[in-house]
Amino acid sequence: MNKKLEDIASIATGVYEKGSPTGDTFYLQAKHFDEYGKFRPDSLLVPEVDLDERLERHLLEDGDVLLIAKGENNRACLYQEEIGKAVASSTFFVIRLTEGQVIPEFLHWLLNTAYMQTVLSSLSRGTHISSISKKILSKMEIQIPPLEQQKKVLRIQSLWEKERSLSSELIELKEKFYETLLLNLTNPKVEKNA
């Protein structure tokens, strides 16, 4: 069934904060996520904002979907509590599901599909830096299948991610193999023994 985003989620903007050397809360930015919207475990993430009463209401919750609202790439990122206590930067919209008929990981996947990225791109406005308005985003319609189908999509997506990772590792190993092979062929001692 088609639903407007505002019917299934609340949408808030991230916050603009300056870093503090005594920070106790992470300040998530687009650079902390890869091109698939997954958290980069190798990204340098240090507590850089002080949590106060004003910021407390902006604390992220497990399953919040962070949508990059500014620039060319409007990928969706998924916040998971194992990242740690965090707030999102003003680069993001924080999409928090309000009903149990949508799995956060499914919404994250859906927003990152080529089709939805095209839709999001068409909603962007601006001359220097394009951005999506909260009002327009809230009215965007998305296709929500039954929960069982969402789970099935996520299982298949997980398998595809494993395959993509293994393929990437295989290419790296082949690169090293062929580089070593070609370097050995340039070594005169190797040619004499051949």
N, C-alpha and C. Protein backbone atom coordinates (compact mmCIF):
# COMPACT_ATOMS: atom_id res chain seq x y z
N MET A 1 0.83 -1.18 0.00
CA MET A 1 0.00 0.00 0.00
C MET A 1 0.87 1.24 0.00
N ASN A 2 0.40 2.30 -0.64
CA ASN A 2 1.12 3.57 -0.66
C ASN A 2 0.75 4.40 0.56
N LYS A 3 1.78 4.99 1.18
CA LYS A 3 1.55 5.87 2.32
C LYS A 3 2.47 7.06 2.22
N LYS A 4 1.99 8.19 2.72
CA LYS A 4 2.86 9.35 2.81
C LYS A 4 3.81 9.12 3.98
N LEU A 5 5.02 9.62 3.84
CA LEU A 5 6.02 9.43 4.88
C LEU A 5 5.53 9.98 6.22
N GLU A 6 4.81 11.09 6.20
CA GLU A 6 4.31 11.69 7.44
C GLU A 6 3.27 10.80 8.15
N ASP A 7 2.68 9.85 7.42
CA ASP A 7 1.69 8.96 8.02
C ASP A 7 2.32 7.80 8.78
N ILE A 8 3.59 7.55 8.52
CA ILE A 8 4.25 6.41 9.18
C ILE A 8 5.43 6.83 10.05
N ALA A 9 5.81 8.11 9.99
CA ALA A 9 7.01 8.54 10.71
C ALA A 9 6.94 10.01 11.09
N SER A 10 7.72 10.35 12.12
CA SER A 10 7.95 11.76 12.43
C SER A 10 9.25 12.14 11.73
N ILE A 11 9.33 13.40 11.32
CA ILE A 11 10.52 13.87 10.62
C ILE A 11 11.03 15.11 11.36
N ALA A 12 12.29 15.06 11.75
CA ALA A 12 12.90 16.21 12.44
C ALA A 12 14.21 16.54 11.74
N THR A 13 14.64 17.76 11.89
CA THR A 13 15.94 18.13 11.32
C THR A 13 17.03 17.84 12.34
N GLY A 14 18.23 17.56 11.83
CA GLY A 14 19.37 17.39 12.72
C GLY A 14 19.74 18.74 13.31
N VAL A 15 20.76 18.77 14.13
CA VAL A 15 21.14 20.01 14.83
C VAL A 15 22.51 20.49 14.34
N TYR A 16 22.69 21.81 14.41
CA TYR A 16 23.99 22.39 14.12
C TYR A 16 24.69 22.65 15.44
N GLU A 17 25.84 22.04 15.63
CA GLU A 17 26.59 22.20 16.87
C GLU A 17 28.06 22.38 16.57
N LYS A 18 28.72 23.16 17.39
CA LYS A 18 30.18 23.27 17.29
C LYS A 18 30.78 22.25 18.24
N GLY A 19 31.88 21.67 17.83
CA GLY A 19 32.53 20.65 18.64
C GLY A 19 33.08 21.20 19.95
N SER A 20 33.21 20.32 20.91
CA SER A 20 33.75 20.68 22.22
C SER A 20 34.75 19.62 22.64
N PRO A 21 35.91 20.02 23.17
CA PRO A 21 36.89 19.01 23.59
C PRO A 21 36.43 18.18 24.78
N THR A 22 35.39 18.67 25.47
CA THR A 22 34.87 17.92 26.63
C THR A 22 33.56 17.22 26.29
N GLY A 23 33.29 17.04 25.01
CA GLY A 23 32.03 16.45 24.59
C GLY A 23 31.78 15.06 25.17
N ASP A 24 30.49 14.72 25.31
CA ASP A 24 30.13 13.41 25.84
C ASP A 24 29.17 12.66 24.91
N THR A 25 28.90 13.26 23.74
CA THR A 25 27.93 12.69 22.81
C THR A 25 28.48 12.77 21.39
N PHE A 26 28.27 11.72 20.59
CA PHE A 26 28.72 11.71 19.20
C PHE A 26 27.86 12.65 18.36
N TYR A 27 28.49 13.25 17.36
CA TYR A 27 27.83 14.16 16.43
C TYR A 27 27.95 13.53 15.05
N LEU A 28 26.92 12.82 14.61
CA LEU A 28 26.99 12.05 13.37
C LEU A 28 26.88 12.94 12.15
N GLN A 29 27.78 12.69 11.21
CA GLN A 29 27.80 13.42 9.95
C GLN A 29 27.82 12.41 8.81
N ALA A 30 27.59 12.90 7.59
CA ALA A 30 27.53 12.02 6.43
C ALA A 30 28.81 11.20 6.27
N LYS A 31 29.97 11.77 6.64
CA LYS A 31 31.25 11.07 6.47
C LYS A 31 31.36 9.82 7.34
N HIS A 32 30.48 9.67 8.33
CA HIS A 32 30.53 8.50 9.20
C HIS A 32 29.81 7.28 8.60
N PHE A 33 29.23 7.47 7.39
CA PHE A 33 28.48 6.39 6.73
C PHE A 33 29.04 6.15 5.34
N ASP A 34 28.98 4.88 4.89
CA ASP A 34 29.50 4.56 3.56
C ASP A 34 28.46 4.86 2.49
N GLU A 35 28.79 4.52 1.25
CA GLU A 35 27.90 4.84 0.12
C GLU A 35 26.58 4.07 0.16
N TYR A 36 26.49 3.05 1.02
CA TYR A 36 25.25 2.29 1.17
C TYR A 36 24.47 2.73 2.41
N GLY A 37 24.95 3.77 3.09
CA GLY A 37 24.27 4.26 4.29
C GLY A 37 24.52 3.42 5.53
N LYS A 38 25.57 2.62 5.49
CA LYS A 38 25.95 1.80 6.65
C LYS A 38 27.02 2.55 7.44
N PHE A 39 26.97 2.44 8.76
CA PHE A 39 27.96 3.09 9.60
C PHE A 39 29.34 2.52 9.32
N ARG A 40 30.31 3.39 9.17
CA ARG A 40 31.70 2.96 8.94
C ARG A 40 32.36 2.69 10.29
N PRO A 41 32.57 1.45 10.66
CA PRO A 41 33.20 1.17 11.96
C PRO A 41 34.61 1.75 12.06
N ASP A 42 35.25 2.00 10.90
CA ASP A 42 36.61 2.53 10.90
C ASP A 42 36.64 4.06 10.89
N SER A 43 35.46 4.71 10.86
CA SER A 43 35.46 6.17 10.85
C SER A 43 35.84 6.70 12.23
N LEU A 44 36.55 7.81 12.22
CA LEU A 44 36.99 8.40 13.47
C LEU A 44 35.79 9.09 14.12
N LEU A 45 35.29 8.50 15.17
CA LEU A 45 34.12 9.03 15.85
C LEU A 45 34.48 9.26 17.31
N VAL A 46 34.48 10.53 17.70
CA VAL A 46 34.79 10.88 19.08
C VAL A 46 33.65 11.73 19.63
N PRO A 47 33.38 11.64 20.93
CA PRO A 47 32.34 12.49 21.51
C PRO A 47 32.75 13.95 21.34
N GLU A 48 31.91 14.72 20.64
CA GLU A 48 32.31 16.10 20.39
C GLU A 48 31.25 17.14 20.70
N VAL A 49 30.11 16.73 21.24
CA VAL A 49 29.13 17.72 21.69
C VAL A 49 28.72 17.43 23.13
N ASP A 50 28.43 18.49 23.86
CA ASP A 50 27.98 18.36 25.25
C ASP A 50 26.48 18.21 25.27
N LEU A 51 26.00 17.12 25.85
CA LEU A 51 24.56 16.90 25.93
C LEU A 51 23.98 17.79 27.02
N ASP A 52 23.04 18.66 26.63
CA ASP A 52 22.34 19.51 27.59
C ASP A 52 20.84 19.31 27.37
N GLU A 53 20.02 20.06 28.09
CA GLU A 53 18.57 19.91 27.98
C GLU A 53 18.08 20.13 26.56
N ARG A 54 18.65 21.11 25.89
CA ARG A 54 18.22 21.43 24.53
C ARG A 54 18.54 20.27 23.57
N LEU A 55 19.73 19.68 23.72
CA LEU A 55 20.13 18.60 22.82
C LEU A 55 19.50 17.26 23.16
N GLU A 56 19.09 17.10 24.40
CA GLU A 56 18.56 15.81 24.84
C GLU A 56 17.38 15.33 23.99
N ARG A 57 16.56 16.27 23.57
CA ARG A 57 15.39 15.86 22.75
C ARG A 57 15.79 15.45 21.33
N HIS A 58 17.07 15.71 20.97
CA HIS A 58 17.57 15.33 19.65
C HIS A 58 18.35 14.02 19.68
N LEU A 59 18.45 13.38 20.86
CA LEU A 59 19.18 12.11 20.93
C LEU A 59 18.54 11.09 19.98
N LEU A 60 19.39 10.40 19.27
CA LEU A 60 18.90 9.40 18.32
C LEU A 60 18.46 8.14 19.05
N GLU A 61 17.49 7.45 18.45
CA GLU A 61 16.99 6.19 18.97
C GLU A 61 17.30 5.08 17.98
N ASP A 62 17.48 3.87 18.49
CA ASP A 62 17.76 2.72 17.65
C ASP A 62 16.73 2.61 16.53
N GLY A 63 17.21 2.52 15.29
CA GLY A 63 16.31 2.39 14.14
C GLY A 63 15.95 3.70 13.48
N ASP A 64 16.45 4.82 13.99
CA ASP A 64 16.20 6.10 13.31
C ASP A 64 16.89 6.05 11.95
N VAL A 65 16.18 6.55 10.93
CA VAL A 65 16.74 6.62 9.59
C VAL A 65 17.17 8.07 9.36
N LEU A 66 18.43 8.25 9.03
CA LEU A 66 18.98 9.59 8.80
C LEU A 66 19.09 9.80 7.30
N LEU A 67 18.35 10.78 6.79
CA LEU A 67 18.37 11.05 5.35
C LEU A 67 19.17 12.31 5.09
N ILE A 68 20.18 12.19 4.23
CA ILE A 68 20.99 13.36 3.88
C ILE A 68 20.10 14.29 3.06
N ALA A 69 19.88 15.48 3.60
CA ALA A 69 18.92 16.41 2.99
C ALA A 69 19.57 17.42 2.07
N LYS A 70 20.88 17.53 2.13
CA LYS A 70 21.59 18.56 1.35
C LYS A 70 22.58 17.92 0.40
N GLY A 71 22.72 18.53 -0.77
CA GLY A 71 23.71 18.06 -1.73
C GLY A 71 23.13 17.11 -2.76
N GLU A 72 24.04 16.52 -3.51
CA GLU A 72 23.67 15.66 -4.64
C GLU A 72 23.20 14.28 -4.22
N ASN A 73 23.79 13.75 -3.16
CA ASN A 73 23.51 12.38 -2.74
C ASN A 73 22.59 12.38 -1.52
N ASN A 74 21.36 11.93 -1.71
CA ASN A 74 20.38 11.92 -0.62
C ASN A 74 20.24 10.53 -0.01
N ARG A 75 21.37 9.87 0.22
CA ARG A 75 21.28 8.52 0.74
C ARG A 75 20.73 8.51 2.17
N ALA A 76 20.14 7.39 2.50
CA ALA A 76 19.60 7.19 3.85
C ALA A 76 20.63 6.39 4.64
N CYS A 77 20.78 6.74 5.90
CA CYS A 77 21.72 6.07 6.80
C CYS A 77 20.92 5.53 7.98
N LEU A 78 21.37 4.46 8.55
CA LEU A 78 20.64 3.84 9.65
C LEU A 78 21.42 3.99 10.95
N TYR A 79 20.77 4.59 11.95
CA TYR A 79 21.41 4.69 13.27
C TYR A 79 21.03 3.46 14.08
N GLN A 80 22.04 2.83 14.67
CA GLN A 80 21.82 1.69 15.56
C GLN A 80 22.49 2.01 16.89
N GLU A 81 21.86 1.63 17.98
CA GLU A 81 22.31 2.06 19.30
C GLU A 81 23.73 1.63 19.64
N GLU A 82 24.24 0.57 18.99
CA GLU A 82 25.62 0.16 19.28
C GLU A 82 26.65 1.21 18.84
N ILE A 83 26.24 2.16 18.00
CA ILE A 83 27.14 3.26 17.63
C ILE A 83 27.47 4.09 18.87
N GLY A 84 26.50 4.24 19.76
CA GLY A 84 26.69 5.02 20.98
C GLY A 84 25.75 6.22 21.01
N LYS A 85 25.73 6.89 22.13
CA LYS A 85 24.85 8.05 22.33
C LYS A 85 25.22 9.12 21.31
N ALA A 86 24.24 9.54 20.49
CA ALA A 86 24.55 10.45 19.39
C ALA A 86 23.39 11.35 19.02
N VAL A 87 23.74 12.46 18.38
CA VAL A 87 22.77 13.34 17.72
C VAL A 87 23.21 13.45 16.27
N ALA A 88 22.26 13.79 15.40
CA ALA A 88 22.56 13.92 13.98
C ALA A 88 22.86 15.37 13.64
N SER A 89 23.78 15.59 12.72
CA SER A 89 24.11 16.94 12.29
C SER A 89 22.98 17.50 11.43
N SER A 90 23.05 18.78 11.15
CA SER A 90 22.00 19.45 10.38
C SER A 90 21.97 19.02 8.93
N THR A 91 22.92 18.19 8.51
CA THR A 91 22.92 17.63 7.16
C THR A 91 21.74 16.67 6.97
N PHE A 92 21.26 16.12 8.08
CA PHE A 92 20.27 15.05 8.03
C PHE A 92 18.86 15.49 8.42
N PHE A 93 17.90 14.75 7.89
CA PHE A 93 16.57 14.66 8.47
C PHE A 93 16.57 13.38 9.29
N VAL A 94 15.98 13.41 10.46
CA VAL A 94 15.86 12.21 11.29
C VAL A 94 14.44 11.69 11.12
N ILE A 95 14.33 10.51 10.54
CA ILE A 95 13.02 9.89 10.29
C ILE A 95 12.83 8.80 11.34
N ARG A 96 11.84 8.99 12.18
CA ARG A 96 11.56 8.02 13.26
C ARG A 96 10.20 7.40 13.00
N LEU A 97 10.17 6.10 12.77
CA LEU A 97 8.91 5.42 12.47
C LEU A 97 7.97 5.50 13.67
N THR A 98 6.68 5.73 13.39
CA THR A 98 5.69 5.88 14.46
C THR A 98 4.70 4.73 14.50
N GLU A 99 4.80 3.84 13.52
CA GLU A 99 3.90 2.68 13.56
C GLU A 99 4.69 1.42 13.27
N GLY A 100 4.19 0.31 13.76
CA GLY A 100 4.92 -0.96 13.67
C GLY A 100 4.77 -1.69 12.35
N GLN A 101 4.20 -1.04 11.35
CA GLN A 101 3.98 -1.71 10.08
C GLN A 101 5.16 -1.57 9.12
N VAL A 102 6.20 -0.88 9.58
CA VAL A 102 7.39 -0.69 8.74
C VAL A 102 8.62 -1.01 9.57
N ILE A 103 9.51 -1.81 9.02
CA ILE A 103 10.77 -2.15 9.67
C ILE A 103 11.78 -1.05 9.30
N PRO A 104 12.48 -0.47 10.29
CA PRO A 104 13.44 0.60 9.98
C PRO A 104 14.45 0.22 8.90
N GLU A 105 14.98 -1.00 8.97
CA GLU A 105 15.97 -1.45 7.98
C GLU A 105 15.36 -1.50 6.58
N PHE A 106 14.05 -1.79 6.50
CA PHE A 106 13.39 -1.81 5.20
C PHE A 106 13.29 -0.39 4.65
N LEU A 107 12.88 0.56 5.49
CA LEU A 107 12.78 1.95 5.03
C LEU A 107 14.16 2.45 4.60
N HIS A 108 15.19 2.10 5.35
CA HIS A 108 16.57 2.46 5.01
C HIS A 108 16.92 1.91 3.63
N TRP A 109 16.64 0.65 3.41
CA TRP A 109 16.93 0.01 2.11
C TRP A 109 16.13 0.69 1.00
N LEU A 110 14.82 0.89 1.23
CA LEU A 110 13.94 1.44 0.21
C LEU A 110 14.39 2.83 -0.23
N LEU A 111 14.72 3.68 0.73
CA LEU A 111 15.14 5.04 0.40
C LEU A 111 16.45 5.07 -0.39
N ASN A 112 17.24 4.01 -0.28
CA ASN A 112 18.52 3.96 -1.00
C ASN A 112 18.43 3.28 -2.36
N THR A 113 17.25 2.79 -2.73
CA THR A 113 17.12 2.18 -4.06
C THR A 113 17.28 3.27 -5.12
N ALA A 114 17.70 2.87 -6.31
CA ALA A 114 17.91 3.82 -7.41
C ALA A 114 16.62 4.60 -7.69
N TYR A 115 15.49 3.90 -7.65
CA TYR A 115 14.21 4.57 -7.93
C TYR A 115 13.93 5.68 -6.92
N MET A 116 14.06 5.36 -5.62
CA MET A 116 13.76 6.37 -4.59
C MET A 116 14.80 7.48 -4.59
N GLN A 117 16.05 7.17 -4.94
CA GLN A 117 17.06 8.22 -5.03
C GLN A 117 16.71 9.20 -6.15
N THR A 118 16.14 8.68 -7.25
CA THR A 118 15.69 9.56 -8.33
C THR A 118 14.54 10.43 -7.87
N VAL A 119 13.60 9.84 -7.12
CA VAL A 119 12.48 10.61 -6.58
C VAL A 119 12.99 11.70 -5.65
N LEU A 120 13.89 11.34 -4.74
CA LEU A 120 14.43 12.32 -3.80
C LEU A 120 15.17 13.43 -4.53
N SER A 121 15.92 13.07 -5.55
CA SER A 121 16.65 14.07 -6.35
C SER A 121 15.69 15.04 -7.01
N SER A 122 14.55 14.53 -7.47
CA SER A 122 13.56 15.40 -8.12
C SER A 122 12.89 16.35 -7.13
N LEU A 123 12.95 16.01 -5.84
CA LEU A 123 12.35 16.87 -4.80
C LEU A 123 13.31 17.96 -4.33
N SER A 124 14.59 17.84 -4.69
CA SER A 124 15.60 18.81 -4.25
C SER A 124 15.45 20.14 -4.98
N ARG A 125 15.69 21.20 -4.24
CA ARG A 125 15.64 22.56 -4.79
C ARG A 125 16.89 23.32 -4.36
N GLY A 126 17.25 24.32 -5.15
CA GLY A 126 18.38 25.17 -4.78
C GLY A 126 19.34 25.38 -5.92
N THR A 127 20.03 26.50 -5.90
CA THR A 127 20.96 26.81 -6.98
C THR A 127 22.39 26.37 -6.65
N HIS A 128 22.90 26.78 -5.50
CA HIS A 128 24.27 26.40 -5.12
C HIS A 128 24.29 24.99 -4.56
N ILE A 129 23.63 24.80 -3.46
CA ILE A 129 23.54 23.47 -2.83
C ILE A 129 22.07 23.09 -2.79
N SER A 130 21.72 22.03 -3.49
CA SER A 130 20.32 21.61 -3.49
C SER A 130 19.97 20.97 -2.16
N SER A 131 18.72 21.11 -1.76
CA SER A 131 18.26 20.48 -0.52
C SER A 131 16.78 20.14 -0.65
N ILE A 132 16.37 19.21 0.20
CA ILE A 132 14.97 18.78 0.24
C ILE A 132 14.32 19.47 1.42
N SER A 133 13.10 19.98 1.21
CA SER A 133 12.41 20.60 2.34
C SER A 133 11.66 19.53 3.14
N LYS A 134 11.54 19.78 4.42
CA LYS A 134 10.85 18.85 5.31
C LYS A 134 9.40 18.68 4.87
N LYS A 135 8.76 19.77 4.45
CA LYS A 135 7.35 19.72 4.04
C LYS A 135 7.18 18.80 2.83
N ILE A 136 8.04 18.96 1.84
CA ILE A 136 7.94 18.12 0.63
C ILE A 136 8.25 16.67 0.96
N LEU A 137 9.28 16.44 1.78
CA LEU A 137 9.64 15.07 2.16
C LEU A 137 8.49 14.38 2.89
N SER A 138 7.82 15.09 3.77
CA SER A 138 6.73 14.49 4.56
C SER A 138 5.57 14.04 3.67
N LYS A 139 5.39 14.69 2.51
CA LYS A 139 4.29 14.35 1.59
C LYS A 139 4.67 13.26 0.59
N MET A 140 5.95 12.87 0.58
CA MET A 140 6.40 11.87 -0.37
C MET A 140 5.72 10.53 -0.10
N GLU A 141 5.22 9.91 -1.14
CA GLU A 141 4.54 8.61 -1.01
C GLU A 141 5.53 7.48 -1.23
N ILE A 142 5.40 6.46 -0.39
CA ILE A 142 6.24 5.28 -0.55
C ILE A 142 5.38 4.02 -0.49
N GLN A 143 5.85 3.00 -1.17
CA GLN A 143 5.15 1.72 -1.23
C GLN A 143 5.56 0.88 -0.03
N ILE A 144 4.60 0.50 0.81
CA ILE A 144 4.88 -0.30 2.00
C ILE A 144 4.23 -1.68 1.84
N PRO A 145 5.01 -2.72 1.60
CA PRO A 145 4.45 -4.07 1.51
C PRO A 145 4.19 -4.63 2.92
N PRO A 146 3.49 -5.76 3.02
CA PRO A 146 3.27 -6.39 4.33
C PRO A 146 4.61 -6.74 5.00
N LEU A 147 4.58 -6.87 6.33
CA LEU A 147 5.79 -7.12 7.11
C LEU A 147 6.58 -8.33 6.62
N GLU A 148 5.88 -9.42 6.29
CA GLU A 148 6.58 -10.62 5.83
C GLU A 148 7.38 -10.36 4.56
N GLN A 149 6.82 -9.55 3.66
CA GLN A 149 7.55 -9.22 2.43
C GLN A 149 8.74 -8.32 2.74
N GLN A 150 8.58 -7.40 3.69
CA GLN A 150 9.70 -6.55 4.09
C GLN A 150 10.85 -7.41 4.61
N LYS A 151 10.51 -8.40 5.46
CA LYS A 151 11.53 -9.29 6.01
C LYS A 151 12.22 -10.09 4.91
N LYS A 152 11.45 -10.53 3.92
CA LYS A 152 12.00 -11.29 2.81
C LYS A 152 12.98 -10.42 2.01
N VAL A 153 12.58 -9.18 1.74
CA VAL A 153 13.45 -8.24 1.03
C VAL A 153 14.77 -8.07 1.78
N LEU A 154 14.68 -7.91 3.11
CA LEU A 154 15.87 -7.69 3.92
C LEU A 154 16.78 -8.92 3.95
N ARG A 155 16.20 -10.13 3.95
CA ARG A 155 17.01 -11.34 3.91
C ARG A 155 17.79 -11.42 2.59
N ILE A 156 17.10 -11.14 1.49
CA ILE A 156 17.75 -11.18 0.17
C ILE A 156 18.82 -10.08 0.08
N GLN A 157 18.51 -8.89 0.58
CA GLN A 157 19.47 -7.80 0.58
C GLN A 157 20.72 -8.16 1.37
N SER A 158 20.53 -8.83 2.51
CA SER A 158 21.66 -9.25 3.33
C SER A 158 22.56 -10.22 2.57
N LEU A 159 21.94 -11.16 1.85
CA LEU A 159 22.72 -12.11 1.04
C LEU A 159 23.48 -11.40 -0.06
N TRP A 160 22.83 -10.42 -0.70
CA TRP A 160 23.48 -9.65 -1.76
C TRP A 160 24.68 -8.88 -1.20
N GLU A 161 24.53 -8.30 -0.01
CA GLU A 161 25.64 -7.56 0.61
C GLU A 161 26.83 -8.48 0.88
N LYS A 162 26.54 -9.71 1.35
CA LYS A 162 27.62 -10.68 1.58
C LYS A 162 28.31 -11.04 0.27
N GLU A 163 27.51 -11.27 -0.78
CA GLU A 163 28.08 -11.61 -2.08
C GLU A 163 28.94 -10.46 -2.61
N ARG A 164 28.44 -9.22 -2.48
CA ARG A 164 29.19 -8.05 -2.94
C ARG A 164 30.52 -7.93 -2.20
N SER A 165 30.50 -8.18 -0.89
CA SER A 165 31.71 -8.11 -0.08
C SER A 165 32.71 -9.19 -0.50
N LEU A 166 32.22 -10.41 -0.68
CA LEU A 166 33.10 -11.50 -1.11
C LEU A 166 33.68 -11.24 -2.49
N SER A 167 32.88 -10.70 -3.40
CA SER A 167 33.37 -10.39 -4.74
C SER A 167 34.46 -9.34 -4.68
N SER A 168 34.27 -8.36 -3.82
CA SER A 168 35.28 -7.31 -3.65
C SER A 168 36.58 -7.88 -3.09
N GLU A 169 36.47 -8.77 -2.11
CA GLU A 169 37.66 -9.42 -1.55
C GLU A 169 38.37 -10.26 -2.60
N LEU A 170 37.59 -10.97 -3.41
CA LEU A 170 38.18 -11.81 -4.47
C LEU A 170 38.94 -10.95 -5.47
N ILE A 171 38.38 -9.83 -5.86
CA ILE A 171 39.06 -8.93 -6.81
C ILE A 171 40.37 -8.43 -6.21
N GLU A 172 40.37 -8.06 -4.94
CA GLU A 172 41.59 -7.59 -4.27
C GLU A 172 42.66 -8.69 -4.27
N LEU A 173 42.24 -9.93 -3.96
CA LEU A 173 43.20 -11.04 -3.95
C LEU A 173 43.76 -11.29 -5.34
N LYS A 174 42.91 -11.20 -6.37
CA LYS A 174 43.38 -11.40 -7.74
C LYS A 174 44.34 -10.28 -8.15
N GLU A 175 44.06 -9.06 -7.72
CA GLU A 175 44.96 -7.93 -8.01
C GLU A 175 46.35 -8.24 -7.47
N LYS A 176 46.40 -8.68 -6.20
CA LYS A 176 47.69 -8.99 -5.57
C LYS A 176 48.38 -10.15 -6.30
N PHE A 177 47.60 -11.18 -6.64
CA PHE A 177 48.16 -12.36 -7.32
C PHE A 177 48.80 -11.95 -8.65
N TYR A 178 48.03 -11.22 -9.47
CA TYR A 178 48.54 -10.85 -10.80
C TYR A 178 49.68 -9.85 -10.71
N GLU A 179 49.65 -8.97 -9.74
CA GLU A 179 50.76 -8.04 -9.57
C GLU A 179 52.04 -8.81 -9.23
N THR A 180 51.92 -9.76 -8.31
CA THR A 180 53.07 -10.58 -7.92
C THR A 180 53.56 -11.40 -9.11
N LEU A 181 52.63 -12.00 -9.86
CA LEU A 181 52.98 -12.79 -11.03
C LEU A 181 53.74 -11.95 -12.05
N LEU A 182 53.24 -10.75 -12.34
CA LEU A 182 53.87 -9.89 -13.34
C LEU A 182 55.21 -9.36 -12.86
N LEU A 183 55.32 -9.05 -11.56
CA LEU A 183 56.60 -8.62 -11.02
C LEU A 183 57.64 -9.74 -11.11
N ASN A 184 57.19 -10.97 -10.85
CA ASN A 184 58.09 -12.12 -10.96
C ASN A 184 58.56 -12.34 -12.40
N LEU A 185 57.67 -12.05 -13.36
CA LEU A 185 58.04 -12.20 -14.77
C LEU A 185 59.07 -11.16 -15.21
N THR A 186 59.10 -10.03 -14.52
CA THR A 186 60.07 -8.99 -14.86
C THR A 186 61.43 -9.25 -14.22
N ASN A 187 61.50 -10.23 -13.34
CA ASN A 187 62.74 -10.57 -12.66
C ASN A 187 63.52 -11.54 -13.55
N PRO A 188 64.74 -11.19 -13.98
CA PRO A 188 65.52 -12.08 -14.88
C PRO A 188 65.78 -13.47 -14.32
N LYS A 189 65.94 -13.58 -13.02
CA LYS A 189 66.20 -14.89 -12.41
C LYS A 189 65.03 -15.83 -12.63
N VAL A 190 63.85 -15.30 -12.57
CA VAL A 190 62.65 -16.12 -12.77
C VAL A 190 62.59 -16.64 -14.19
N GLU A 191 62.93 -15.76 -15.18
CA GLU A 191 62.87 -16.16 -16.60
C GLU A 191 63.86 -17.28 -16.89
N LYS A 192 65.06 -17.24 -16.29
CA LYS A 192 66.06 -18.29 -16.53
C LYS A 192 65.59 -19.63 -15.99
N ASN A 193 64.88 -19.62 -14.91
CA ASN A 193 64.39 -20.87 -14.32
C ASN A 193 63.17 -21.41 -15.04
N ALA A 194 62.53 -20.61 -15.84
CA ALA A 194 61.27 -21.02 -16.50
C ALA A 194 61.53 -22.02 -17.60
